[in-house]
Protein backbone atom coordinates (compact mmCIF):
# COMPACT_ATOMS: atom_id res chain seq x y z
CA MET A 1 85.93 119.10 -79.68
CA ALA A 2 86.09 119.59 -75.92
CA ALA A 3 87.65 122.13 -73.54
CA ARG A 4 89.04 121.48 -69.97
CA LYS A 5 87.22 123.48 -67.42
CA GLY A 6 86.69 123.14 -63.53
CA ARG A 7 83.13 122.73 -64.09
CA ARG A 8 81.18 119.69 -65.15
CA ARG A 9 78.59 119.30 -68.00
CA THR A 10 76.79 116.02 -68.96
CA CYS A 11 74.78 115.89 -72.19
CA GLU A 12 71.94 113.65 -72.91
CA THR A 13 69.85 114.70 -76.00
CA GLY A 14 71.86 118.02 -77.01
CA GLU A 15 70.49 119.96 -73.85
CA PRO A 16 73.21 120.84 -71.25
CA MET A 17 73.07 120.29 -67.57
CA GLU A 18 75.53 122.14 -65.15
CA ALA A 19 76.94 121.02 -61.86
CA GLU A 20 79.25 122.39 -59.64
CA SER A 21 82.65 120.50 -59.54
CA GLY A 22 84.34 120.03 -56.19
CA ASP A 23 87.32 122.06 -57.00
CA THR A 24 86.43 125.66 -58.55
CA SER A 25 89.65 126.98 -58.10
CA SER A 26 90.91 125.51 -60.98
CA GLU A 27 88.05 127.69 -63.33
CA GLY A 28 90.37 129.71 -65.92
CA PRO A 29 90.55 130.18 -69.55
CA ALA A 30 89.29 126.95 -71.43
CA GLN A 31 92.15 124.99 -73.04
CA VAL A 32 92.23 122.39 -75.95
CA TYR A 33 92.37 118.83 -74.61
CA LEU A 34 94.32 116.57 -76.92
CA PRO A 35 93.06 113.00 -76.13
CA GLY A 36 95.75 110.74 -75.88
CA ARG A 37 98.29 113.31 -76.15
CA GLY A 38 97.87 116.22 -73.37
CA PRO A 39 98.66 115.53 -69.64
CA PRO A 40 95.77 113.95 -68.07
CA LEU A 41 92.75 115.72 -66.47
CA ARG A 42 93.53 117.25 -62.99
CA GLU A 43 91.22 116.32 -59.80
CA GLY A 44 88.03 118.52 -60.58
CA GLU A 45 88.64 118.88 -64.18
CA GLU A 46 86.08 117.26 -66.65
CA LEU A 47 85.80 117.52 -70.47
CA VAL A 48 82.98 120.11 -71.52
CA MET A 49 81.04 119.77 -74.64
CA ASP A 50 81.42 122.54 -77.26
CA GLU A 51 77.90 122.82 -78.52
CA GLU A 52 78.69 125.35 -81.03
CA ALA A 53 80.71 122.83 -82.56
CA TYR A 54 77.42 120.79 -83.55
CA VAL A 55 74.64 121.28 -85.78
CA LEU A 56 72.89 118.22 -84.78
CA TYR A 57 73.38 116.41 -81.63
CA HIS A 58 71.18 113.31 -79.80
CA ARG A 59 71.67 109.94 -78.21
CA ALA A 60 69.23 107.16 -77.94
CA GLN A 61 68.91 104.24 -75.22
CA THR A 62 67.73 100.64 -76.56
CA GLY A 63 68.20 98.74 -73.33
CA ALA A 64 70.81 96.27 -74.20
CA PRO A 65 73.84 97.56 -76.26
CA CYS A 66 73.85 96.91 -79.51
CA LEU A 67 77.48 95.61 -81.19
CA SER A 68 76.32 96.69 -84.70
CA PHE A 69 73.80 98.33 -86.74
CA ASP A 70 72.81 99.57 -90.19
CA ILE A 71 71.17 102.55 -91.49
CA VAL A 72 67.89 101.61 -93.42
CA ARG A 73 67.62 103.60 -96.76
CA ASP A 74 64.09 105.31 -96.63
CA HIS A 75 61.70 106.89 -99.32
CA LEU A 76 61.85 110.34 -97.65
CA GLY A 77 64.17 111.69 -100.29
CA ASP A 78 67.69 112.40 -100.65
CA ASN A 79 70.12 115.20 -99.42
CA ARG A 80 67.93 116.00 -96.53
CA THR A 81 69.42 118.88 -94.64
CA GLU A 82 66.48 120.26 -93.20
CA PHE A 83 65.32 119.81 -89.50
CA PRO A 84 63.58 118.15 -88.04
CA LEU A 85 65.00 114.55 -89.61
CA THR A 86 63.58 111.36 -89.53
CA LEU A 87 65.91 108.09 -89.66
CA TYR A 88 65.49 104.52 -89.79
CA LEU A 89 67.99 102.00 -88.52
CA CYS A 90 68.30 98.20 -88.12
CA ALA A 91 70.16 97.06 -84.87
CA GLY A 92 71.18 93.95 -82.74
CA THR A 93 71.60 93.47 -79.25
CA GLN A 94 74.39 91.94 -77.07
CA ALA A 95 72.41 91.19 -74.06
CA GLU A 96 73.57 89.30 -70.70
CA SER A 97 71.62 86.01 -71.48
CA ALA A 98 71.19 84.59 -74.85
CA GLN A 99 67.49 84.59 -74.93
CA SER A 100 67.30 88.15 -73.79
CA ASN A 101 68.43 89.30 -77.40
CA ARG A 102 66.56 91.19 -79.98
CA LEU A 103 66.55 92.31 -83.39
CA MET A 104 65.60 95.79 -83.82
CA LEU A 105 63.96 98.34 -86.22
CA LEU A 106 64.06 102.14 -85.01
CA ARG A 107 62.27 104.99 -86.42
CA MET A 108 64.23 108.33 -84.83
CA HIS A 109 62.25 111.32 -85.67
CA ASN A 110 61.52 114.76 -84.62
CA LEU A 111 65.15 115.28 -84.52
CA HIS A 112 65.99 119.11 -84.29
CA GLY A 113 69.26 120.78 -84.59
CA THR A 114 71.19 122.24 -81.92
CA LYS A 115 69.85 125.79 -81.10
CA ALA A 116 72.43 128.84 -81.45
CA PRO A 117 73.02 130.61 -78.04
CA PRO A 118 71.81 134.17 -77.85
CA SER A 119 74.42 136.64 -78.19
CA GLU A 120 75.33 138.55 -74.74
CA GLY A 121 73.13 141.26 -73.44
CA SER A 122 70.48 140.55 -76.60
CA ASP A 123 67.06 141.44 -76.21
CA GLU A 124 65.97 138.25 -77.46
CA GLU A 125 67.58 136.38 -74.54
CA GLU A 126 64.81 137.34 -72.24
CA GLU A 127 62.08 136.53 -74.80
CA GLU A 128 64.04 133.20 -75.85
CA GLU A 129 63.86 131.82 -72.04
CA GLU A 130 60.33 132.40 -71.86
CA GLU A 131 59.94 130.44 -75.24
CA ASP A 132 62.39 127.68 -74.26
CA GLU A 133 59.53 125.38 -72.12
CA GLU A 134 57.16 125.73 -74.71
CA GLU A 135 59.68 124.76 -77.50
CA GLU A 136 61.28 122.13 -75.46
CA GLU A 137 58.31 119.63 -75.53
CA GLU A 138 57.87 120.32 -79.48
CA ARG A 139 61.42 119.47 -79.96
CA LYS A 140 61.58 116.62 -77.80
CA PRO A 141 63.14 113.66 -80.16
CA GLN A 142 61.24 110.49 -80.55
CA LEU A 143 61.77 106.66 -80.90
CA GLU A 144 59.89 104.00 -82.03
CA LEU A 145 61.18 100.36 -81.78
CA ALA A 146 59.97 97.17 -83.39
CA MET A 147 61.83 94.14 -81.59
CA VAL A 148 61.97 90.70 -82.63
CA PRO A 149 63.11 87.99 -80.31
CA HIS A 150 66.68 86.59 -81.09
CA TYR A 151 68.40 83.76 -79.28
CA GLY A 152 72.11 84.60 -79.23
CA GLY A 153 73.96 88.04 -79.13
CA ILE A 154 74.19 89.84 -82.54
CA ASN A 155 77.81 90.45 -84.03
CA ARG A 156 76.68 92.19 -87.07
CA VAL A 157 73.68 93.36 -89.24
CA ARG A 158 73.75 94.40 -92.61
CA VAL A 159 70.62 95.87 -94.57
CA SER A 160 70.05 95.66 -98.28
CA TRP A 161 66.99 96.01 -100.50
CA LEU A 162 65.95 92.87 -102.94
CA GLY A 163 63.60 95.08 -105.19
CA GLU A 164 61.06 96.47 -103.08
CA GLU A 165 61.68 93.99 -100.10
CA PRO A 166 63.98 95.36 -97.65
CA VAL A 167 66.06 92.65 -95.87
CA VAL A 168 68.90 92.34 -93.12
CA GLY A 169 71.73 90.02 -93.07
CA VAL A 170 72.40 88.76 -89.08
CA TRP A 171 75.83 87.58 -87.96
CA SER A 172 75.12 85.96 -84.26
CA GLU A 173 77.43 84.34 -81.70
CA LYS A 174 75.33 81.36 -82.09
CA GLY A 175 77.19 80.50 -85.44
CA GLN A 176 74.51 81.18 -87.88
CA VAL A 177 73.99 83.92 -90.55
CA GLU A 178 70.28 84.72 -90.83
CA VAL A 179 68.31 86.59 -93.23
CA PHE A 180 65.19 88.50 -92.08
CA ALA A 181 62.41 90.44 -93.85
CA LEU A 182 62.15 94.13 -92.61
CA ARG A 183 58.95 95.21 -94.48
CA ARG A 184 56.45 94.37 -91.46
CA LEU A 185 58.68 96.16 -89.17
CA LEU A 186 59.11 99.39 -91.05
CA GLN A 187 55.44 99.36 -91.39
CA VAL A 188 54.62 99.28 -87.78
CA VAL A 189 57.17 101.84 -86.67
CA ASP A 190 55.24 104.42 -88.78
CA ASP A 191 52.00 103.43 -86.99
CA PRO A 192 51.78 103.60 -83.09
CA GLN A 193 48.47 101.25 -83.35
CA ALA A 194 49.74 98.90 -85.54
CA LEU A 195 53.11 98.66 -83.67
CA ALA A 196 51.43 97.93 -80.42
CA VAL A 197 49.47 95.05 -82.08
CA PHE A 198 52.64 93.53 -83.38
CA LEU A 199 54.63 93.79 -80.22
CA ARG A 200 51.75 92.10 -78.55
CA ASP A 201 50.81 89.39 -81.07
CA GLU A 202 53.09 89.28 -83.82
CA GLN A 203 56.78 89.58 -82.63
CA ALA A 204 57.37 86.13 -81.53
CA ARG A 205 56.38 84.68 -84.80
CA VAL A 206 58.80 86.52 -86.95
CA LYS A 207 61.41 84.02 -88.17
CA PRO A 208 64.38 84.29 -90.64
CA ILE A 209 63.22 83.82 -94.18
CA PHE A 210 66.85 82.02 -94.91
CA SER A 211 69.60 80.44 -92.30
CA PHE A 212 73.05 79.11 -93.05
CA ALA A 213 74.83 77.10 -90.39
CA GLY A 214 77.72 76.07 -92.64
CA HIS A 215 80.29 78.29 -90.88
CA MET A 216 81.03 75.74 -87.92
CA GLY A 217 81.48 79.01 -85.62
CA GLU A 218 80.52 82.62 -85.25
CA GLY A 219 82.16 85.68 -87.33
CA PHE A 220 81.50 89.21 -87.64
CA ALA A 221 82.12 89.84 -91.53
CA LEU A 222 79.15 90.44 -93.68
CA ASP A 223 78.45 92.67 -96.64
CA TRP A 224 75.83 92.76 -99.42
CA SER A 225 76.90 93.47 -103.07
CA PRO A 226 76.18 97.27 -103.91
CA ARG A 227 75.97 95.86 -107.74
CA VAL A 228 74.32 92.51 -107.77
CA GLN A 229 71.01 92.52 -105.92
CA GLY A 230 70.88 89.60 -103.13
CA ARG A 231 74.78 88.74 -103.30
CA LEU A 232 76.16 88.10 -100.03
CA LEU A 233 79.56 87.52 -98.52
CA THR A 234 79.92 86.12 -94.81
CA GLY A 235 83.55 85.75 -92.91
CA ASP A 236 84.07 83.65 -89.74
CA CYS A 237 86.47 83.40 -87.08
CA GLN A 238 87.39 80.19 -88.32
CA LYS A 239 89.31 81.99 -91.29
CA ASN A 240 86.63 81.15 -93.94
CA ILE A 241 84.62 83.05 -96.54
CA HIS A 242 81.44 81.91 -98.18
CA LEU A 243 79.66 83.43 -101.35
CA TRP A 244 75.73 83.54 -101.05
CA THR A 245 74.15 83.74 -104.64
CA PRO A 246 70.33 84.57 -104.60
CA THR A 247 68.25 81.94 -106.31
CA ASP A 248 65.09 82.32 -108.46
CA SER A 249 62.73 80.99 -105.94
CA GLY A 250 63.77 83.80 -103.29
CA SER A 251 66.58 81.97 -101.41
CA TRP A 252 70.02 81.56 -101.66
CA HIS A 253 72.57 79.05 -102.60
CA VAL A 254 75.82 79.13 -100.09
CA ASP A 255 78.82 77.88 -101.64
CA GLN A 256 80.13 75.24 -99.38
CA ARG A 257 83.64 75.80 -100.79
CA PRO A 258 85.08 78.63 -98.78
CA PHE A 259 87.62 81.26 -100.18
CA VAL A 260 91.13 80.18 -98.80
CA GLY A 261 93.79 82.58 -98.19
CA HIS A 262 93.83 84.08 -94.20
CA THR A 263 95.25 82.20 -91.66
CA ARG A 264 93.34 83.83 -89.09
CA SER A 265 89.70 85.35 -88.41
CA VAL A 266 88.07 87.20 -91.25
CA GLU A 267 87.29 90.36 -89.48
CA ASP A 268 85.76 92.69 -92.38
CA LEU A 269 84.34 92.31 -96.03
CA GLN A 270 83.80 94.89 -98.79
CA TRP A 271 82.71 94.29 -102.04
CA SER A 272 84.02 96.57 -104.94
CA PRO A 273 81.49 99.55 -105.68
CA THR A 274 82.60 99.10 -109.41
CA GLU A 275 83.22 95.67 -110.21
CA ASP A 276 80.93 92.91 -109.91
CA THR A 277 82.92 90.05 -108.93
CA VAL A 278 85.59 91.78 -106.67
CA PHE A 279 85.62 92.02 -103.07
CA ALA A 280 88.20 92.84 -100.24
CA SER A 281 88.56 91.32 -96.80
CA CYS A 282 90.63 91.80 -93.97
CA SER A 283 92.00 89.51 -91.05
CA ALA A 284 93.43 89.07 -87.53
CA ASP A 285 96.64 87.72 -89.48
CA ALA A 286 97.36 91.28 -90.42
CA SER A 287 96.72 91.22 -94.11
CA ILE A 288 94.18 92.80 -96.65
CA ARG A 289 93.40 90.60 -99.62
CA ILE A 290 91.53 91.26 -103.00
CA TRP A 291 89.54 88.49 -104.66
CA ASP A 292 87.80 87.51 -107.77
CA ILE A 293 84.88 85.13 -107.57
CA ARG A 294 85.15 84.17 -111.12
CA ALA A 295 88.12 81.93 -110.06
CA ALA A 296 87.63 78.89 -107.99
CA PRO A 297 87.73 79.90 -104.15
CA GLY A 298 91.26 78.58 -103.79
CA LYS A 299 92.45 80.51 -106.36
CA ALA A 300 90.43 83.68 -106.16
CA CYS A 301 93.07 85.93 -104.18
CA MET A 302 94.41 88.31 -106.65
CA LEU A 303 96.51 90.69 -104.46
CA THR A 304 97.57 90.49 -100.99
CA THR A 305 99.20 92.96 -98.14
CA ALA A 306 100.52 90.71 -95.87
CA SER A 307 101.56 93.03 -92.96
CA ALA A 308 98.96 95.89 -93.48
CA HIS A 309 98.97 97.02 -90.09
CA ASP A 310 100.89 95.83 -86.72
CA GLY A 311 98.55 93.15 -85.80
CA ASP A 312 94.72 92.81 -86.52
CA VAL A 313 93.34 94.71 -89.26
CA ASN A 314 89.80 95.01 -87.63
CA VAL A 315 87.80 97.13 -90.50
CA ILE A 316 87.88 98.02 -94.13
CA SER A 317 85.74 100.81 -96.17
CA TRP A 318 85.98 100.84 -99.88
CA SER A 319 85.47 104.17 -101.31
CA ARG A 320 82.37 104.68 -103.63
CA ARG A 321 83.89 107.36 -105.37
CA GLU A 322 87.93 106.81 -105.54
CA PRO A 323 90.01 103.71 -105.86
CA PHE A 324 90.84 103.67 -102.33
CA LEU A 325 90.48 101.31 -99.37
CA LEU A 326 90.53 102.61 -95.96
CA SER A 327 91.60 100.40 -93.04
CA GLY A 328 91.96 100.59 -89.27
CA GLY A 329 93.73 98.07 -87.07
CA ASP A 330 94.59 97.14 -83.52
CA ASP A 331 97.83 99.24 -83.64
CA GLY A 332 95.34 102.33 -83.80
CA ALA A 333 96.14 103.50 -87.46
CA LEU A 334 94.32 104.45 -90.08
CA LYS A 335 95.59 103.52 -93.69
CA VAL A 336 94.53 104.74 -97.00
CA TRP A 337 95.61 102.41 -99.93
CA ASP A 338 95.20 103.53 -103.47
CA LEU A 339 94.28 100.08 -105.24
CA ARG A 340 95.92 100.83 -108.42
CA GLN A 341 99.37 100.68 -106.35
CA PHE A 342 98.08 97.86 -104.05
CA LYS A 343 101.04 95.45 -105.19
CA SER A 344 103.38 98.00 -103.58
CA SER A 345 101.89 96.95 -100.11
CA THR A 346 102.69 100.86 -99.14
CA PRO A 347 99.86 102.96 -98.01
CA VAL A 348 99.36 106.40 -99.70
CA ALA A 349 98.48 107.96 -96.11
CA THR A 350 98.74 106.60 -92.43
CA PHE A 351 97.16 108.80 -89.73
CA LYS A 352 97.71 107.86 -86.23
CA GLN A 353 95.40 109.87 -83.70
CA HIS A 354 93.66 107.26 -82.21
CA VAL A 355 95.49 105.29 -79.10
CA ALA A 356 93.62 102.25 -78.89
CA PRO A 357 92.36 99.60 -81.73
CA ILE A 358 90.35 100.78 -84.52
CA THR A 359 86.56 99.63 -84.43
CA SER A 360 85.03 101.19 -87.36
CA VAL A 361 85.80 103.08 -90.44
CA GLU A 362 83.75 104.52 -93.40
CA TRP A 363 84.12 106.79 -96.14
CA HIS A 364 81.81 109.75 -96.45
CA PRO A 365 79.19 108.93 -99.29
CA GLN A 366 79.20 112.36 -100.85
CA ASP A 367 82.47 113.62 -100.31
CA SER A 368 85.25 111.33 -101.68
CA GLY A 369 88.06 112.79 -99.35
CA VAL A 370 86.37 112.55 -96.07
CA PHE A 371 86.20 109.63 -93.50
CA ALA A 372 85.28 108.95 -90.20
CA ALA A 373 86.72 106.30 -87.90
CA SER A 374 85.93 105.14 -84.07
CA GLY A 375 88.23 103.44 -81.69
CA ALA A 376 88.31 101.58 -78.43
CA ASP A 377 89.99 104.88 -76.94
CA ASN A 378 85.90 106.52 -77.02
CA GLN A 379 87.02 108.81 -79.88
CA ILE A 380 85.18 109.48 -83.22
CA THR A 381 87.43 111.27 -85.59
CA GLN A 382 86.43 113.03 -88.85
CA TRP A 383 89.17 113.46 -91.36
CA ASP A 384 89.69 115.34 -94.73
CA LEU A 385 92.76 114.36 -97.16
CA ALA A 386 92.21 117.45 -98.99
CA VAL A 387 93.13 119.69 -96.17
CA GLU A 388 96.59 121.29 -95.68
CA ARG A 389 97.50 123.51 -92.64
CA ASP A 390 97.87 127.25 -93.18
CA PRO A 391 101.36 128.06 -92.42
CA GLU A 392 100.23 131.78 -91.36
CA ALA A 393 97.44 130.49 -88.94
CA GLY A 394 98.66 131.54 -85.49
CA ASP A 395 97.07 128.61 -83.65
CA MET A 396 100.35 126.46 -83.58
CA GLU A 397 102.11 129.26 -81.67
CA ALA A 398 99.08 129.70 -79.21
CA ASP A 399 99.08 126.00 -78.20
CA PRO A 400 102.15 124.08 -79.39
CA GLY A 401 100.13 120.90 -78.72
CA LEU A 402 98.12 121.31 -81.80
CA ALA A 403 101.36 121.10 -84.02
CA ALA A 404 101.47 117.34 -83.31
CA LEU A 405 97.81 116.84 -84.78
CA PRO A 406 97.64 115.44 -88.06
CA GLN A 407 96.66 118.35 -90.58
CA GLN A 408 94.13 116.45 -92.24
CA LEU A 409 92.20 115.68 -88.66
CA LEU A 410 88.79 117.79 -88.81
CA PHE A 411 87.29 116.86 -85.64
CA VAL A 412 87.19 114.66 -82.38
CA HIS A 413 83.94 113.65 -80.83
CA GLN A 414 84.01 112.17 -77.26
CA GLY A 415 81.54 111.01 -74.67
CA GLU A 416 80.92 107.76 -75.91
CA THR A 417 81.78 104.50 -73.70
CA ASP A 418 83.36 101.43 -75.67
CA LEU A 419 82.41 102.54 -79.11
CA LYS A 420 81.81 100.02 -81.61
CA GLU A 421 80.46 101.12 -85.20
CA LEU A 422 79.58 104.26 -86.89
CA HIS A 423 77.93 105.06 -90.24
CA TRP A 424 77.44 108.03 -92.41
CA HIS A 425 73.52 108.63 -93.11
CA PRO A 426 73.57 108.28 -97.12
CA GLN A 427 70.45 110.52 -97.27
CA CYS A 428 71.33 113.07 -94.84
CA PRO A 429 74.70 114.56 -95.70
CA GLY A 430 77.23 115.24 -92.95
CA VAL A 431 74.94 113.30 -90.43
CA LEU A 432 76.93 110.54 -88.22
CA LEU A 433 75.65 107.85 -86.43
CA SER A 434 77.45 105.58 -83.83
CA THR A 435 76.76 102.56 -81.32
CA ALA A 436 78.58 102.01 -77.93
CA LEU A 437 77.91 100.66 -74.53
CA SER A 438 76.59 103.98 -73.70
CA GLY A 439 73.89 103.78 -76.31
CA PHE A 440 73.55 105.32 -79.88
CA THR A 441 74.56 108.87 -80.66
CA ILE A 442 73.27 110.98 -83.83
CA PHE A 443 75.17 114.16 -84.77
CA ARG A 444 76.66 116.55 -87.22
CA THR A 445 79.45 118.65 -86.70
CA ILE A 446 80.16 122.20 -88.33
CA SER A 447 83.41 120.55 -90.04
CA VAL A 448 81.26 118.22 -92.24
């Protein structure tokens, strides 16, 4: 959340830096700023980060921006809540020239939580200031980066484990889907000496272990099955979806017969978390479809919601814990679909906080009612379906603008530019990561 003030504050890695604005006459009580709803900022006003609203907050830059990334599950354990944290990501760049792109494995570590501010007039305040300089160096976040040259901008990456072997599926603008092995990259980001050798002698020799060029054009939709190891779906801008089946030789057979049904670009794909053969798709044709691969590709579509959104349906997320599908569209709407009532073509909930197209949605991996979304309006929102407004709370009277907010809206995060994708970390509860033109952000709010 942010407040409106006449002073300016920027935040790079969770440490605030304050500078005078040109107009100090607007200093006064902080007001809640409602993006897309409240009046625009006046001259001299800028948004101020409320540091007490974050348990964790860090930012990272990797050179060229990344349109897509995925979290690599690691062997450091589940339910990690103690700081500092260590995280592993795989990402792909969208550089200005095709030959400048990279597939990257990132190790972010020494990620400390935000420090609670000392109470006013506290004896500890002076003592803490003296310790700050010593602690600052120890608390500095670290980033190791193993890069592989990749010709063509990378549209989407998705990571999976094939037994003990980590792999990543890569959709690129050159119209190919490739699979790369990640074991060596994971090894070197943990060893500075090995990383130096890899970057000097090995990175140019890394090639995909499998490649498919049968889509005849580029695409964005890509999803590994969570239930059948190695099973993959890929969808393109030519409205086609192809099924990849792993072979005994460690390769893949890609069915040349596409699943037919959509009339425009396939934007996203999601396997069912409970059924081996069922998946969902969404498209620029405004529809969401449910398929079963046991049928022939031309007859596999079981259910369709033809006008799921007013325009392109950009992203979907299938809940791992409830029979719910979440969708986000160009209309800025977020919709929750109960798959038991999908034939009715009516969502069980619709939320409208974003004022631009939705770019990413994802259910919380542990909490079945919580999800997050990002939009082209540079907002990341966190939601909880179980929340109901307390009618006795005085907040609405104090600021009538708050009454217009959806009661399930938990948190609004801002400060990024051109947001593209977000993911909850499956092993660190409440930790959310995003990629944008402005770089990566890793944070946890007090709300989740």
